[in-house]
Protein backbone atom coordinates (compact mmCIF):
# COMPACT_ATOMS: atom_id res chain seq x y z
CA UNK A 1 -63.54 -186.75 -67.92
CA UNK A 2 -60.30 -187.14 -65.93
CA UNK A 3 -60.79 -190.91 -65.71
CA UNK A 4 -61.02 -191.05 -69.53
CA UNK A 5 -57.97 -188.86 -70.06
CA UNK A 6 -55.71 -190.87 -67.73
CA UNK A 7 -55.57 -194.02 -69.98
CA UNK A 8 -55.06 -191.90 -73.05
CA UNK A 9 -52.24 -190.02 -71.28
CA UNK A 10 -50.52 -193.19 -70.30
CA UNK A 11 -50.92 -194.56 -73.84
CA UNK A 12 -49.26 -191.49 -75.21
CA UNK A 13 -46.46 -191.64 -72.74
CA UNK A 14 -45.85 -195.35 -73.43
CA UNK A 15 -45.88 -194.72 -77.14
CA UNK A 16 -43.34 -191.85 -76.71
CA UNK A 17 -40.99 -194.11 -74.62
CA UNK A 18 -41.20 -196.94 -77.11
CA UNK A 19 -40.53 -194.43 -79.99
CA UNK A 20 -37.57 -193.00 -78.12
CA UNK A 21 -36.06 -196.51 -77.66
CA UNK A 22 -36.72 -197.30 -81.28
CA UNK A 23 -34.99 -194.15 -82.47
CA UNK A 24 -31.69 -195.37 -80.95
CA UNK A 25 -31.91 -198.30 -83.25
CA UNK A 26 -33.54 -196.40 -86.08
CA UNK A 27 -34.11 -198.39 -89.27
CA UNK A 28 -33.07 -196.80 -92.56
CA UNK A 29 -35.68 -194.41 -93.69
CA UNK A 30 -37.44 -196.30 -96.46
CA UNK A 31 -40.50 -194.06 -96.36
CA UNK A 32 -39.60 -190.42 -96.63
CA UNK A 33 -42.18 -188.05 -98.01
CA UNK A 34 -41.84 -184.37 -98.73
CA UNK A 35 -45.59 -183.92 -98.26
CA UNK A 36 -48.14 -186.13 -96.49
CA UNK A 37 -51.95 -185.57 -96.89
CA UNK A 38 -54.23 -186.99 -94.16
CA UNK A 39 -57.90 -187.57 -94.82
CA UNK A 40 -60.01 -189.04 -92.12
CA UNK A 41 -62.97 -189.15 -89.76
CA UNK A 42 -62.83 -187.40 -86.46
CA UNK A 43 -64.79 -187.44 -83.27
CA UNK A 44 -64.67 -184.86 -80.46
CA UNK A 45 -65.87 -185.35 -76.95
CA UNK A 46 -66.24 -182.83 -74.14
CA UNK A 47 -68.26 -182.88 -70.94
CA UNK A 48 -70.27 -179.86 -72.02
CA UNK A 49 -71.01 -180.90 -75.61
CA UNK A 50 -70.86 -184.74 -75.53
CA UNK A 51 -69.75 -186.60 -78.67
CA UNK A 52 -69.53 -184.72 -81.99
CA UNK A 53 -68.69 -186.63 -85.19
CA UNK A 54 -67.00 -185.12 -88.22
CA UNK A 55 -64.22 -185.28 -90.73
CA UNK A 56 -60.68 -183.90 -91.09
CA UNK A 57 -58.16 -182.97 -93.76
CA UNK A 58 -54.52 -182.07 -93.04
CA UNK A 59 -51.22 -181.52 -94.91
CA UNK A 60 -47.90 -182.21 -93.36
CA UNK A 61 -44.37 -181.10 -94.34
CA UNK A 62 -40.92 -181.79 -92.86
CA UNK A 63 -38.72 -178.66 -92.60
CA UNK A 64 -36.09 -180.38 -90.34
CA UNK A 65 -35.70 -184.11 -91.05
CA UNK A 66 -36.04 -186.28 -87.92
CA UNK A 67 -36.74 -183.21 -85.69
CA UNK A 68 -39.70 -181.15 -86.89
CA UNK A 69 -42.82 -181.75 -88.86
CA UNK A 70 -45.48 -179.10 -89.41
CA UNK A 71 -49.10 -180.15 -89.87
CA UNK A 72 -51.82 -177.70 -91.09
CA UNK A 73 -55.25 -179.19 -90.61
CA UNK A 74 -58.91 -178.28 -90.84
CA UNK A 75 -61.85 -180.25 -89.47
CA UNK A 76 -65.61 -180.00 -89.57
CA UNK A 77 -67.62 -181.47 -86.64
CA UNK A 78 -71.29 -181.28 -85.92
CA UNK A 79 -72.35 -178.99 -83.12
CA UNK A 80 -74.98 -179.76 -80.46
CA UNK A 81 -77.03 -176.67 -81.59
CA UNK A 82 -77.32 -177.93 -85.16
CA UNK A 83 -74.41 -176.02 -86.73
CA UNK A 84 -70.84 -176.97 -87.50
CA UNK A 85 -67.61 -176.21 -85.65
CA UNK A 86 -64.56 -175.74 -87.90
CA UNK A 87 -61.23 -175.99 -86.05
CA UNK A 88 -58.14 -174.94 -88.00
CA UNK A 89 -54.77 -175.87 -86.45
CA UNK A 90 -51.08 -175.67 -86.89
CA UNK A 91 -49.22 -178.49 -85.08
CA UNK A 92 -45.49 -178.61 -84.40
CA UNK A 93 -44.54 -182.36 -84.22
CA UNK A 94 -41.44 -184.34 -83.28
CA UNK A 95 -41.23 -187.55 -85.28
CA UNK A 96 -39.69 -190.88 -84.22
CA UNK A 97 -39.34 -193.80 -86.65
CA UNK A 98 -40.30 -197.01 -84.84
CA UNK A 99 -39.77 -199.39 -87.77
CA UNK A 100 -39.28 -198.96 -91.53
CA UNK A 101 -43.02 -198.54 -91.98
CA UNK A 102 -44.23 -197.14 -88.63
CA UNK A 103 -43.74 -193.64 -87.33
CA UNK A 104 -44.93 -191.96 -84.16
CA UNK A 105 -45.14 -188.17 -83.63
CA UNK A 106 -46.00 -186.04 -80.63
CA UNK A 107 -47.18 -182.54 -81.31
CA UNK A 108 -48.68 -179.40 -79.97
CA UNK A 109 -50.02 -176.17 -81.48
CA UNK A 110 -52.59 -173.41 -81.62
CA UNK A 111 -56.00 -173.74 -83.14
CA UNK A 112 -58.72 -171.35 -84.27
CA UNK A 113 -62.34 -172.56 -83.97
CA UNK A 114 -65.31 -171.10 -85.75
CA UNK A 115 -68.81 -172.13 -84.69
CA UNK A 116 -71.52 -171.61 -87.32
CA UNK A 117 -74.28 -172.40 -84.73
CA UNK A 118 -73.16 -169.63 -82.37
CA UNK A 119 -71.58 -167.35 -85.00
CA UNK A 120 -68.41 -166.81 -83.11
CA UNK A 121 -64.71 -167.66 -83.34
CA UNK A 122 -62.40 -168.49 -80.47
CA UNK A 123 -58.86 -169.81 -79.80
CA UNK A 124 -57.50 -173.04 -78.39
CA UNK A 125 -54.53 -175.28 -78.10
CA UNK A 126 -54.16 -178.92 -79.19
CA UNK A 127 -51.80 -181.67 -78.19
CA UNK A 128 -51.73 -184.96 -80.23
CA UNK A 129 -49.99 -188.28 -80.58
CA UNK A 130 -49.90 -189.36 -84.25
CA UNK A 131 -49.21 -192.96 -85.28
CA UNK A 132 -48.58 -193.49 -89.00
CA UNK A 133 -48.40 -196.96 -90.64
CA UNK A 134 -47.13 -197.21 -94.26
CA UNK A 135 -48.02 -200.75 -95.59
CA UNK A 136 -47.08 -199.50 -99.06
CA UNK A 137 -44.59 -196.81 -100.16
CA UNK A 138 -47.06 -193.88 -100.61
CA UNK A 139 -50.33 -194.94 -99.07
CA UNK A 140 -51.02 -195.84 -95.44
CA UNK A 141 -53.27 -195.10 -92.48
CA UNK A 142 -53.02 -192.97 -89.32
CA UNK A 143 -54.50 -192.80 -85.83
CA UNK A 144 -54.29 -189.46 -83.95
CA UNK A 145 -55.68 -189.10 -80.42
CA UNK A 146 -55.57 -185.63 -78.93
CA UNK A 147 -56.53 -183.18 -76.23
CA UNK A 148 -57.94 -179.81 -76.98
CA UNK A 149 -58.43 -176.79 -74.71
CA UNK A 150 -60.50 -173.85 -75.95
CA UNK A 151 -60.65 -170.33 -74.67
CA UNK A 152 -64.14 -169.15 -75.42
CA UNK A 153 -65.33 -165.82 -74.06
CA UNK A 154 -66.33 -166.48 -70.45
CA UNK A 155 -65.73 -170.23 -70.72
CA UNK A 156 -62.75 -172.63 -70.96
CA UNK A 157 -63.40 -176.13 -72.15
CA UNK A 158 -61.20 -179.21 -72.46
CA UNK A 159 -62.08 -182.08 -74.70
CA UNK A 160 -60.75 -185.29 -76.28
CA UNK A 161 -60.45 -185.85 -80.03
CA UNK A 162 -59.74 -188.91 -82.10
CA UNK A 163 -58.97 -188.91 -85.80
CA UNK A 164 -58.22 -191.88 -88.02
CA UNK A 165 -57.97 -192.31 -91.77
CA UNK A 166 -55.92 -192.49 -94.88
CA UNK A 167 -52.49 -190.99 -95.51
CA UNK A 168 -50.96 -190.31 -98.84
CA UNK A 169 -47.30 -189.32 -99.23
CA UNK A 170 -45.39 -187.81 -102.08
């Protein structure tokens, strides 16, 4: 697992450095949206559970322009025991505009996970890097790799998640 996390960690660090450099020469904000809706596919991987495919839906708002974006998201991923895990998270993200149509965000926040297979609910934390590309004014795509750590009763588990899909801004 650590071998897989190292390249992802380096990619996130490199993207953050590039975004930081780009923010010094920030292009005029051609694409500003009060609300962004994300709809996509998601895959979770952990050593204990293996790969779990699913889908995700999130809504993002910007309370402090260029400093803070809040993302409320819910996912549904299959569970190894035949049920579904439903993580609900609230991410606090720092945005950086790379170009007029590309934005990168790094975020962290709590999550609440409900497992229908095991009929239990537990807490976790999530850290993500979010790349948004806007080829048109209000429609684009995103790629969001992340790390998740859950605090189940008697067990702690760390996993990798990847989401990608459509973004719609208003």
